[in-house]
Amino acid sequence: MTRSVRNSRAPIFFFQAENDYDLSPSRVLSAAMRDAGREFELKIYPPFGNSAEDGHTFGYFGSSVWVADGFRFLKKHCQT
């Protein structure tokens, strides 16, 4: 995955809830993109729910929290 993001031609928005099981995927992959000079954003949101399992479901069940940032990211990076 690290090689893939380093070679990515598309900007990537990495996001997770603070209480997800492990935040290193977003941190490691965004660092690889930064080191390769690629465009990305990383945002760690406050805890979602009451457990690591709840935090892990943030991408799906927490869409009302991150959707505005997602659209802002798309508008910034995908507008022609």
C-alpha atoms as a PDB file:
ATOM      1  CA  MET A   1       0.000   0.000   0.000  1.00  0.00           C
ATOM      2  CA  THR A   2       2.882   2.341   0.718  1.00  0.00           C
ATOM      3  CA  ARG A   3       4.239   1.901  -2.796  1.00  0.00           C
ATOM      4  CA  SER A   4       0.754   2.480  -4.212  1.00  0.00           C
ATOM      5  CA  VAL A   5       0.222   5.806  -2.464  1.00  0.00           C
ATOM      6  CA  ARG A   6       3.737   6.966  -3.328  1.00  0.00           C
ATOM      7  CA  ASN A   7       2.895   6.385  -6.990  1.00  0.00           C
ATOM      8  CA  SER A   8      -0.643   7.716  -6.813  1.00  0.00           C
ATOM      9  CA  ARG A   9      -1.592  10.380  -9.304  1.00  0.00           C
ATOM     10  CA  ALA A  10      -4.798  11.183  -7.431  1.00  0.00           C
ATOM     11  CA  PRO A  11      -4.992  13.110  -4.163  1.00  0.00           C
ATOM     12  CA  ILE A  12      -6.167  10.996  -1.221  1.00  0.00           C
ATOM     13  CA  PHE A  13      -8.178  12.022   1.839  1.00  0.00           C
ATOM     14  CA  PHE A  14      -7.170   9.838   4.794  1.00  0.00           C
ATOM     15  CA  PHE A  15      -9.499   9.974   7.759  1.00  0.00           C
ATOM     16  CA  GLN A  16     -10.249   7.931  10.844  1.00  0.00           C
ATOM     17  CA  ALA A  17     -11.912   8.335  14.199  1.00  0.00           C
ATOM     18  CA  GLU A  18      -9.493   8.780  17.076  1.00  0.00           C
ATOM     19  CA  ASN A  19     -10.800   5.622  18.743  1.00  0.00           C
ATOM     20  CA  ASP A  20     -10.318   3.318  15.746  1.00  0.00           C
ATOM     21  CA  TYR A  21      -8.256   0.219  16.540  1.00  0.00           C
ATOM     22  CA  ASP A  22      -5.094   1.596  14.941  1.00  0.00           C
ATOM     23  CA  LEU A  23      -4.374   5.001  13.386  1.00  0.00           C
ATOM     24  CA  SER A  24      -1.069   3.994  11.854  1.00  0.00           C
ATOM     25  CA  PRO A  25      -2.510   3.133   8.401  1.00  0.00           C
ATOM     26  CA  SER A  26      -3.576   6.739   7.807  1.00  0.00           C
ATOM     27  CA  ARG A  27      -0.434   8.161   9.393  1.00  0.00           C
ATOM     28  CA  VAL A  28       2.017   5.875   7.573  1.00  0.00           C
ATOM     29  CA  LEU A  29       0.340   6.179   4.178  1.00  0.00           C
ATOM     30  CA  SER A  30      -0.076   9.964   4.370  1.00  0.00           C
ATOM     31  CA  ALA A  31       3.597  10.270   5.390  1.00  0.00           C
ATOM     32  CA  ALA A  32       4.579   8.209   2.346  1.00  0.00           C
ATOM     33  CA  MET A  33       2.570  10.560   0.150  1.00  0.00           C
ATOM     34  CA  ARG A  34       4.137  13.627   1.778  1.00  0.00           C
ATOM     35  CA  ASP A  35       7.631  12.208   1.265  1.00  0.00           C
ATOM     36  CA  ALA A  36       6.813  11.528  -2.412  1.00  0.00           C
ATOM     37  CA  GLY A  37       5.470  15.057  -2.902  1.00  0.00           C
ATOM     38  CA  ARG A  38       1.909  13.839  -3.540  1.00  0.00           C
ATOM     39  CA  GLU A  39      -1.250  15.699  -2.573  1.00  0.00           C
ATOM     40  CA  PHE A  40      -3.190  14.367   0.394  1.00  0.00           C
ATOM     41  CA  GLU A  41      -5.046  15.391   3.504  1.00  0.00           C
ATOM     42  CA  LEU A  42      -5.119  13.592   6.833  1.00  0.00           C
ATOM     43  CA  LYS A  43      -7.784  14.199   9.447  1.00  0.00           C
ATOM     44  CA  ILE A  44      -8.234  12.333  12.700  1.00  0.00           C
ATOM     45  CA  TYR A  45     -11.730  12.996  13.999  1.00  0.00           C
ATOM     46  CA  PRO A  46     -12.765  12.863  17.660  1.00  0.00           C
ATOM     47  CA  PRO A  47     -13.818   9.472  19.011  1.00  0.00           C
ATOM     48  CA  PHE A  48     -16.906   7.988  17.418  1.00  0.00           C
ATOM     49  CA  GLY A  49     -19.063   5.900  19.716  1.00  0.00           C
ATOM     50  CA  ASN A  50     -17.721   4.207  22.811  1.00  0.00           C
ATOM     51  CA  SER A  51     -15.324   1.546  21.601  1.00  0.00           C
ATOM     52  CA  ALA A  52     -12.602   0.766  19.083  1.00  0.00           C
ATOM     53  CA  GLU A  53     -15.200  -1.183  17.134  1.00  0.00           C
ATOM     54  CA  ASP A  54     -17.410   1.919  16.970  1.00  0.00           C
ATOM     55  CA  GLY A  55     -14.417   3.992  15.870  1.00  0.00           C
ATOM     56  CA  HIS A  56     -13.646   1.464  13.154  1.00  0.00           C
ATOM     57  CA  THR A  57     -17.158   1.870  11.696  1.00  0.00           C
ATOM     58  CA  PHE A  58     -16.755   5.655  11.471  1.00  0.00           C
ATOM     59  CA  GLY A  59     -16.199   5.640   7.712  1.00  0.00           C
ATOM     60  CA  TYR A  60     -19.641   4.138   7.220  1.00  0.00           C
ATOM     61  CA  PHE A  61     -21.780   5.073  10.193  1.00  0.00           C
ATOM     62  CA  GLY A  62     -20.131   8.445  10.810  1.00  0.00           C
ATOM     63  CA  SER A  63     -20.611   9.860   7.334  1.00  0.00           C
ATOM     64  CA  SER A  64     -22.720  12.726   8.667  1.00  0.00           C
ATOM     65  CA  VAL A  65     -19.601  13.875  10.547  1.00  0.00           C
ATOM     66  CA  TRP A  66     -17.069  13.733   7.707  1.00  0.00           C
ATOM     67  CA  VAL A  67     -19.191  14.294   4.586  1.00  0.00           C
ATOM     68  CA  ALA A  68     -18.642  18.076   4.454  1.00  0.00           C
ATOM     69  CA  ASP A  69     -14.869  17.591   4.628  1.00  0.00           C
ATOM     70  CA  GLY A  70     -15.082  14.916   1.954  1.00  0.00           C
ATOM     71  CA  PHE A  71     -16.943  17.200  -0.438  1.00  0.00           C
ATOM     72  CA  ARG A  72     -14.586  20.093   0.340  1.00  0.00           C
ATOM     73  CA  PHE A  73     -11.651  17.818  -0.499  1.00  0.00           C
ATOM     74  CA  LEU A  74     -13.268  16.724  -3.766  1.00  0.00           C
ATOM     75  CA  LYS A  75     -14.084  20.282  -4.747  1.00  0.00           C
ATOM     76  CA  LYS A  76     -10.518  21.395  -4.031  1.00  0.00           C
ATOM     77  CA  HIS A  77      -8.825  18.540  -5.874  1.00  0.00           C
ATOM     78  CA  CYS A  78     -11.259  17.416  -8.557  1.00  0.00           C
ATOM     79  CA  GLN A  79     -12.765  20.578  -9.909  1.00  0.00           C
ATOM     80  CA  THR A  80     -11.958  21.205 -13.575  1.00  0.00           C
END
